[in-house]
Amino acid sequence: MKASDIREMSVDELNETLSNLKEELFNLRFQLAINQLDNTARLKAVKKDIARIKTTLREAELSAQQ
């Protein structure tokens, strides 16, 4: 997911995507713990997507305060 794609989303869409990514991260960590994870790079990608969404949400919150 690119930052430009994330910035085009509404706050509701961002929150929904964030919850989906958190659930996916939980599942990936569980798979890693029981040695069933094939694509370990997906963990890093999901974490970065979560960080991008949280950053965008924070930017929107700050711009709303001004």
Protein backbone atom coordinates (compact mmCIF):
# COMPACT_ATOMS: atom_id res chain seq x y z
CA MET A 1 0.00 0.00 0.00
CA LYS A 2 1.42 3.35 -0.99
CA ALA A 3 1.23 6.53 1.08
CA SER A 4 -0.52 8.34 -1.77
CA ASP A 5 -3.25 5.68 -1.78
CA ILE A 6 -3.65 5.99 1.98
CA ARG A 7 -3.95 9.78 1.89
CA GLU A 8 -6.86 9.51 -0.56
CA MET A 9 -8.89 7.37 1.87
CA SER A 10 -11.44 8.78 4.30
CA VAL A 11 -10.99 8.50 8.06
CA ASP A 12 -13.58 5.72 8.29
CA GLU A 13 -11.84 3.74 5.56
CA LEU A 14 -8.50 4.25 7.30
CA ASN A 15 -9.87 2.97 10.60
CA GLU A 16 -11.39 -0.07 8.92
CA THR A 17 -8.17 -0.83 7.05
CA LEU A 18 -6.18 -0.37 10.25
CA SER A 19 -8.29 -2.92 12.11
CA ASN A 20 -7.96 -5.38 9.21
CA LEU A 21 -4.19 -4.96 9.16
CA LYS A 22 -3.93 -5.44 12.92
CA GLU A 23 -5.90 -8.66 12.62
CA GLU A 24 -3.66 -9.82 9.77
CA LEU A 25 -0.56 -8.98 11.81
CA PHE A 26 -1.89 -11.05 14.71
CA ASN A 27 -2.49 -14.00 12.38
CA LEU A 28 0.97 -13.65 10.85
CA ARG A 29 2.60 -13.59 14.29
CA PHE A 30 0.64 -16.68 15.26
CA GLN A 31 1.76 -18.48 12.09
CA LEU A 32 5.35 -17.45 12.80
CA ALA A 33 5.15 -18.86 16.33
CA ILE A 34 3.99 -22.26 15.10
CA ASN A 35 6.42 -22.30 12.14
CA GLN A 36 3.79 -22.15 9.41
CA LEU A 37 4.68 -18.74 8.00
CA ASP A 38 5.98 -18.94 4.45
CA ASN A 39 6.45 -15.26 3.59
CA THR A 40 8.22 -13.62 6.53
CA ALA A 41 8.61 -10.37 4.59
CA ARG A 42 4.84 -9.89 4.88
CA LEU A 43 5.28 -9.17 8.61
CA LYS A 44 7.45 -6.16 7.85
CA ALA A 45 5.13 -4.94 5.10
CA VAL A 46 2.06 -5.11 7.33
CA LYS A 47 3.85 -3.26 10.14
CA LYS A 48 4.85 -0.49 7.73
CA ASP A 49 1.31 -0.22 6.38
CA ILE A 50 -0.01 0.12 9.93
CA ALA A 51 2.52 2.86 10.64
CA ARG A 52 1.58 4.71 7.43
CA ILE A 53 -2.10 4.62 8.31
CA LYS A 54 -1.48 5.77 11.88
CA THR A 55 0.67 8.64 10.59
CA THR A 56 -2.04 9.71 8.15
CA LEU A 57 -4.70 9.54 10.87
CA ARG A 58 -2.54 11.70 13.13
CA GLU A 59 -1.99 14.24 10.33
CA ALA A 60 -5.75 14.44 9.80
CA GLU A 61 -6.29 14.90 13.54
CA LEU A 62 -3.76 17.73 13.71
CA SER A 63 -5.16 19.49 10.67
CA ALA A 64 -8.66 19.28 12.17
CA GLN A 65 -7.44 21.04 15.34
CA GLN A 66 -6.17 24.06 13.44
